[in-house]
Protein backbone atom coordinates (compact mmCIF):
# COMPACT_ATOMS: atom_id res chain seq x y z
CA MET A 1 61.42 -8.15 9.08
CA LYS A 2 62.82 -6.91 12.06
CA ILE A 3 59.40 -6.23 14.14
CA VAL A 4 58.69 -10.45 12.93
CA ILE A 5 62.01 -11.14 14.41
CA ALA A 6 61.93 -9.11 17.27
CA ALA A 7 58.05 -10.68 18.46
CA LEU A 8 59.09 -14.17 17.78
CA ALA A 9 61.54 -14.01 21.23
CA VAL A 10 58.28 -13.33 23.19
CA ILE A 11 56.33 -16.27 21.49
CA ALA A 12 59.33 -18.77 22.26
CA THR A 13 58.72 -18.64 25.97
CA ALA A 14 54.42 -17.90 25.70
CA TRP A 15 53.40 -20.88 27.08
CA GLY A 16 53.51 -20.87 30.40
CA PRO A 17 50.57 -20.38 33.30
CA ALA A 18 48.20 -18.01 33.20
CA ARG A 19 49.16 -14.41 33.65
CA GLY A 20 47.33 -11.55 35.67
CA ALA A 21 44.73 -10.13 33.68
CA ARG A 22 45.96 -6.57 33.68
CA GLN A 23 49.09 -7.71 31.75
CA GLU A 24 47.47 -9.80 29.23
CA ALA A 25 45.21 -6.79 28.83
CA SER A 26 48.23 -4.70 27.85
CA ILE A 27 48.76 -7.31 24.42
CA ALA A 28 49.16 -5.06 21.69
CA PRO A 29 46.47 -5.87 18.81
CA GLN A 30 47.53 -7.88 15.69
CA PRO A 31 48.53 -5.82 12.50
CA THR A 32 45.71 -4.92 10.02
CA SER A 33 48.13 -5.62 7.13
CA ILE A 34 51.24 -7.18 6.52
CA GLU A 35 54.05 -6.15 3.86
CA GLY A 36 53.81 -8.78 0.55
CA ALA A 37 50.61 -10.62 1.54
CA ARG A 38 47.06 -9.53 0.44
CA THR A 39 44.41 -9.50 3.52
CA HIS A 40 41.46 -10.60 4.00
CA VAL A 41 38.62 -10.80 6.59
CA TYR A 42 37.73 -14.14 7.07
CA LYS A 43 35.60 -13.91 9.85
CA SER A 44 33.11 -11.33 12.19
CA ILE A 45 32.79 -12.31 15.44
CA ASP A 46 31.74 -10.35 18.49
CA GLY A 47 33.00 -6.70 16.63
CA ILE A 48 36.17 -8.55 16.01
CA ASP A 49 37.57 -8.47 12.82
CA LEU A 50 39.87 -11.73 12.24
CA ARG A 51 42.58 -11.12 9.60
CA LEU A 52 44.39 -13.57 7.26
CA HIS A 53 47.49 -12.66 5.00
CA VAL A 54 47.71 -14.24 1.98
CA PHE A 55 51.64 -15.09 0.26
CA THR A 56 51.54 -16.55 -3.05
CA PRO A 57 54.52 -17.17 -5.70
CA GLN A 58 55.70 -15.07 -8.09
CA ASP A 59 53.14 -14.98 -11.88
CA HIS A 60 50.98 -16.75 -9.38
CA LEU A 61 47.43 -16.52 -11.17
CA ALA A 62 43.60 -17.28 -10.02
CA SER A 63 43.16 -20.09 -12.58
CA MET A 64 46.19 -22.19 -10.86
CA LYS A 65 45.40 -24.53 -8.42
CA SER A 66 48.59 -24.64 -6.27
CA PRO A 67 48.86 -26.38 -2.86
CA ALA A 68 48.42 -24.14 0.23
CA ILE A 69 49.00 -24.34 4.16
CA VAL A 70 47.77 -21.66 6.69
CA PHE A 71 49.49 -21.00 9.83
CA PHE A 72 48.64 -20.26 13.02
CA PHE A 73 51.11 -18.66 15.46
CA GLY A 74 51.55 -19.69 18.97
CA GLY A 75 51.05 -18.02 22.66
CA GLY A 76 49.57 -20.43 25.04
CA TRP A 77 46.01 -20.05 23.57
CA THR A 78 46.53 -16.14 25.07
CA GLN A 79 48.78 -14.09 23.21
CA GLY A 80 51.16 -14.16 20.35
CA THR A 81 51.75 -12.69 16.94
CA VAL A 82 50.02 -13.23 13.40
CA GLU A 83 53.76 -12.58 12.13
CA GLN A 84 55.00 -15.44 13.67
CA PHE A 85 55.01 -17.62 10.47
CA VAL A 86 56.06 -15.22 7.94
CA PRO A 87 59.27 -16.02 7.20
CA GLN A 88 58.52 -19.58 6.49
CA SER A 89 54.86 -18.41 4.53
CA GLN A 90 58.03 -16.34 2.44
CA HIS A 91 59.87 -19.17 1.79
CA LEU A 92 56.63 -21.32 0.90
CA ALA A 93 55.46 -18.86 -1.62
CA ALA A 94 58.48 -18.78 -3.52
CA GLY A 95 58.72 -22.87 -3.91
CA GLY A 96 55.47 -22.61 -5.46
CA MET A 97 52.88 -22.63 -2.68
CA VAL A 98 50.33 -20.19 -1.09
CA ALA A 99 51.19 -19.34 2.44
CA ILE A 100 49.28 -17.86 4.65
CA VAL A 101 49.28 -17.05 8.12
CA ALA A 102 45.73 -16.32 10.37
CA ASP A 103 44.67 -14.70 13.26
CA TYR A 104 42.55 -15.97 16.05
CA ARG A 105 40.82 -14.68 19.41
CA VAL A 106 43.22 -15.18 22.08
CA PHE A 107 42.49 -14.47 26.10
CA GLY A 108 44.83 -11.69 26.44
CA ARG A 109 43.27 -9.90 23.18
CA HIS A 110 39.31 -11.27 23.42
CA LYS A 111 39.31 -13.05 27.00
CA THR A 112 38.24 -16.15 24.73
CA THR A 113 38.75 -19.74 25.66
CA PRO A 114 41.11 -22.45 23.81
CA PHE A 115 37.54 -23.65 22.46
CA ASP A 116 37.31 -20.49 20.66
CA ALA A 117 40.63 -20.70 19.17
CA ILE A 118 39.82 -23.89 17.78
CA THR A 119 36.61 -22.58 16.22
CA ASP A 120 38.94 -19.69 14.61
CA ALA A 121 41.22 -22.33 12.69
CA LYS A 122 38.33 -24.28 11.59
CA SER A 123 36.82 -21.07 10.12
CA ALA A 124 40.15 -19.78 8.97
CA ILE A 125 40.12 -23.21 6.91
CA ARG A 126 36.93 -23.45 5.52
CA TRP A 127 37.38 -20.05 4.03
CA VAL A 128 40.24 -20.59 2.57
CA ARG A 129 38.72 -23.82 0.97
CA SER A 130 35.32 -21.90 0.08
CA HIS A 131 37.21 -19.38 -1.80
CA ALA A 132 39.69 -21.56 -3.57
CA ARG A 133 38.95 -20.44 -7.06
CA GLN A 134 39.61 -16.55 -5.88
CA LEU A 135 42.87 -17.86 -4.44
CA GLY A 136 43.98 -19.87 -6.76
CA ILE A 137 44.27 -22.73 -4.34
CA ASP A 138 43.40 -26.36 -5.01
CA PRO A 139 40.71 -27.30 -2.28
CA ALA A 140 41.88 -30.31 -2.12
CA ARG A 141 45.42 -29.69 -0.76
CA ILE A 142 45.34 -27.33 2.25
CA ALA A 143 47.73 -27.72 4.60
CA ALA A 144 47.73 -26.51 8.16
CA GLY A 145 50.59 -25.69 10.62
CA GLY A 146 51.39 -24.11 13.43
CA GLY A 147 53.39 -23.73 16.80
CA SER A 148 52.83 -24.83 20.23
CA SER A 149 49.27 -23.68 21.18
CA GLY A 150 48.88 -22.75 17.08
CA GLY A 151 50.15 -26.15 16.71
CA HIS A 152 47.40 -27.63 18.81
CA ILE A 153 44.37 -25.44 16.91
CA ALA A 154 45.76 -26.47 13.75
CA LEU A 155 45.41 -30.34 15.25
CA SER A 156 42.22 -29.79 16.33
CA ALA A 157 41.25 -28.64 13.19
CA ALA A 158 42.10 -31.99 11.46
CA VAL A 159 41.02 -33.84 14.69
CA PHE A 160 37.53 -32.27 16.08
CA ASP A 161 34.28 -33.05 14.17
CA ARG A 162 32.69 -30.37 16.41
CA PHE A 163 33.69 -27.12 17.20
CA ASP A 164 32.83 -25.80 14.07
CA ASP A 165 31.11 -22.12 14.03
CA PRO A 166 27.43 -22.48 13.68
CA ARG A 167 27.11 -19.99 11.52
CA GLU A 168 28.94 -21.19 8.74
CA ASP A 169 28.19 -23.51 6.25
CA LYS A 170 29.14 -26.92 6.95
CA SER A 171 28.88 -28.86 3.83
CA ILE A 172 32.53 -26.66 3.22
CA ASN A 173 35.16 -29.12 5.20
CA SER A 174 36.43 -27.30 7.56
CA LYS A 175 39.47 -30.20 8.19
CA PRO A 176 43.17 -30.19 6.58
CA ASN A 177 44.20 -32.25 4.09
CA ALA A 178 48.01 -32.52 5.88
CA LEU A 179 49.91 -31.02 9.14
CA VAL A 180 53.43 -29.29 10.08
CA LEU A 181 53.44 -28.70 13.18
CA PHE A 182 56.21 -27.58 15.61
CA ASN A 183 56.29 -28.47 19.13
CA PRO A 184 52.37 -28.86 19.18
CA ALA A 185 50.38 -29.41 22.37
CA VAL A 186 49.17 -32.64 21.55
CA ASP A 187 47.43 -33.42 25.18
CA THR A 188 46.15 -30.37 26.70
CA SER A 189 45.04 -33.00 29.76
CA ALA A 190 48.74 -31.63 31.52
CA ALA A 191 48.60 -28.11 29.91
CA PRO A 192 48.24 -25.82 32.81
CA THR A 193 47.23 -23.08 30.80
CA PHE A 194 44.49 -24.61 28.79
CA ALA A 195 43.17 -25.69 32.26
CA ALA A 196 43.12 -22.67 33.50
CA ARG A 197 41.19 -21.05 30.66
CA THR A 198 39.01 -24.42 30.37
CA PRO A 199 38.68 -26.22 34.25
CA GLY A 200 37.53 -29.13 33.52
CA ARG A 201 37.57 -29.56 30.15
CA GLU A 202 41.03 -30.47 29.46
CA GLN A 203 40.59 -33.98 27.70
CA GLU A 204 37.45 -32.07 25.46
CA GLY A 205 39.98 -30.24 24.00
CA SER A 206 42.96 -33.06 23.79
CA PRO A 207 43.57 -34.30 20.30
CA PHE A 208 45.37 -36.99 21.89
CA HIS A 209 42.53 -38.28 23.64
CA HIS A 210 40.40 -38.02 20.20
CA LEU A 211 42.41 -39.54 17.58
CA ASP A 212 40.95 -41.72 14.75
CA ARG A 213 41.59 -43.14 11.54
CA THR A 214 40.96 -39.74 9.83
CA LEU A 215 44.18 -38.05 10.62
CA PRO A 216 45.76 -36.87 7.62
CA PRO A 217 49.60 -36.89 6.74
CA THR A 218 51.05 -35.47 10.00
CA VAL A 219 54.43 -34.26 10.68
CA ILE A 220 55.90 -32.98 13.70
CA LEU A 221 59.51 -31.12 14.41
CA HIS A 222 60.20 -31.03 18.36
CA GLY A 223 63.02 -30.45 20.68
CA THR A 224 64.09 -33.29 22.89
CA ALA A 225 64.36 -31.05 25.94
CA ASP A 226 61.05 -29.07 25.23
CA ALA A 227 59.97 -28.75 28.57
CA THR A 228 56.78 -27.08 27.94
CA VAL A 229 55.41 -29.64 25.32
CA PRO A 230 57.77 -33.28 26.58
CA TYR A 231 59.03 -34.80 23.59
CA ALA A 232 57.22 -37.89 25.15
CA SER A 233 53.89 -36.59 24.11
CA VAL A 234 54.46 -36.42 20.68
CA GLU A 235 56.03 -39.59 20.09
CA ARG A 236 53.24 -41.18 21.92
CA PHE A 237 50.73 -39.18 19.59
CA CYS A 238 52.62 -40.74 16.92
CA ALA A 239 52.81 -44.16 17.82
CA ARG A 240 48.89 -44.21 18.22
CA ALA A 241 48.47 -42.41 15.11
CA LYS A 242 50.43 -45.33 13.25
CA GLU A 243 48.64 -47.76 15.13
CA LEU A 244 45.09 -46.45 13.67
CA GLY A 245 47.17 -46.78 10.00
CA ARG A 246 47.91 -43.10 9.93
CA ARG A 247 51.11 -41.23 8.99
CA CYS A 248 52.78 -39.30 11.67
CA GLU A 249 56.65 -38.23 11.89
CA VAL A 250 58.22 -37.02 14.87
CA VAL A 251 61.75 -35.52 13.99
CA GLY A 252 63.32 -34.71 17.00
CA TYR A 253 66.60 -31.90 17.77
CA GLU A 254 68.69 -32.78 20.12
CA GLY A 255 69.23 -30.58 23.11
CA ALA A 256 66.33 -27.50 21.51
CA GLY A 257 63.57 -26.80 23.62
CA HIS A 258 60.49 -24.69 23.10
CA GLY A 259 59.91 -22.53 20.47
CA PHE A 260 63.47 -23.71 19.09
CA PHE A 261 62.22 -23.32 15.59
CA ASN A 262 61.78 -19.28 15.76
CA PRO A 263 64.13 -17.69 13.50
CA PRO A 264 66.27 -15.56 16.46
CA THR A 265 66.85 -19.36 18.42
CA ALA A 266 70.83 -20.40 17.95
CA ASP A 267 71.18 -17.91 15.31
CA GLY A 268 68.86 -19.22 13.18
CA LYS A 269 70.33 -22.90 13.19
CA TRP A 270 67.06 -24.51 13.89
CA TYR A 271 65.07 -22.47 11.74
CA ARG A 272 66.76 -23.41 8.94
CA GLN A 273 66.71 -27.11 9.35
CA THR A 274 63.10 -27.42 10.14
CA VAL A 275 62.28 -25.26 7.20
CA LEU A 276 64.48 -27.97 5.32
CA GLU A 277 62.22 -30.83 6.68
CA MET A 278 58.83 -29.02 6.37
CA ASP A 279 59.97 -29.05 2.84
CA ARG A 280 60.96 -32.86 2.57
CA PHE A 281 57.76 -33.50 4.07
CA LEU A 282 55.33 -31.18 1.70
CA ALA A 283 57.45 -32.42 -1.19
CA SER A 284 56.56 -36.24 -0.08
CA ILE A 285 53.00 -35.88 -0.05
CA GLY A 286 53.04 -33.87 -3.30
CA TYR A 287 52.94 -29.98 -2.50
CA LEU A 288 56.40 -28.96 -3.50
CA SER A 289 58.53 -29.87 -6.31
CA LYS A 290 61.54 -31.76 -5.15
CA ALA A 291 63.48 -29.28 -6.33
CA VAL A 292 62.38 -26.84 -4.10
CA ALA A 293 62.87 -29.41 -1.06
CA ARG A 294 66.69 -29.59 -1.55
């Protein structure tokens, strides 16, 4: 766990403008296993094995149909560690959910674009849904979550009907049934790193510009002092979602900046508060019991 906490301190400031290729090339590889989780390769592409790590409740059986959530780490589509949401995953597994942290391609490791990251997020959700019987998961109750750019690709998996891997079976839905987002990029038309990787395509990958009535129930946990993803952008996103008749909640944390939800920040104060809010939301849609949500 100490390794996870140390890595999170880096993620908290990982959005900024694109960095030099030499620095990006030195990013450490992702772990191939995580203590307490079962690891699966959900996708192999261009010689790269992408893994997800599954945390299950105690005494969980494959015959069960438990709700699940798939988390995607942040890092400006450039870096980041798959271990970022291990604390939240362990917490949810203790409460009865199957919680999963998924790797995906980023520029610093694979020289890929944010659109490849969106594709991988959709692949991960499709893999989980297609393996629901083996994992003891209800295929109709698979949430997605993530922070910053990871929040963007989780949201994108829900919003976009394209960007699916053409090699996969599209009869299996790649969209999540709910969203738990931590300071997510909802409008990439103003994201400098996204623009640097995909010049001229900023709005093409912007969930705000493609929002429709299919958005699943969504909660956004966001710091009011976020200088990287402005608080006003998520307020605008949810206001538009509500106009479309969709459930979208923004929970603001006064004075909190980008990456505020990571355990090392403010001695874990905001981590604890966001976990409680995550519980409340998941209980409200029937993914957790009210007792767990406190």
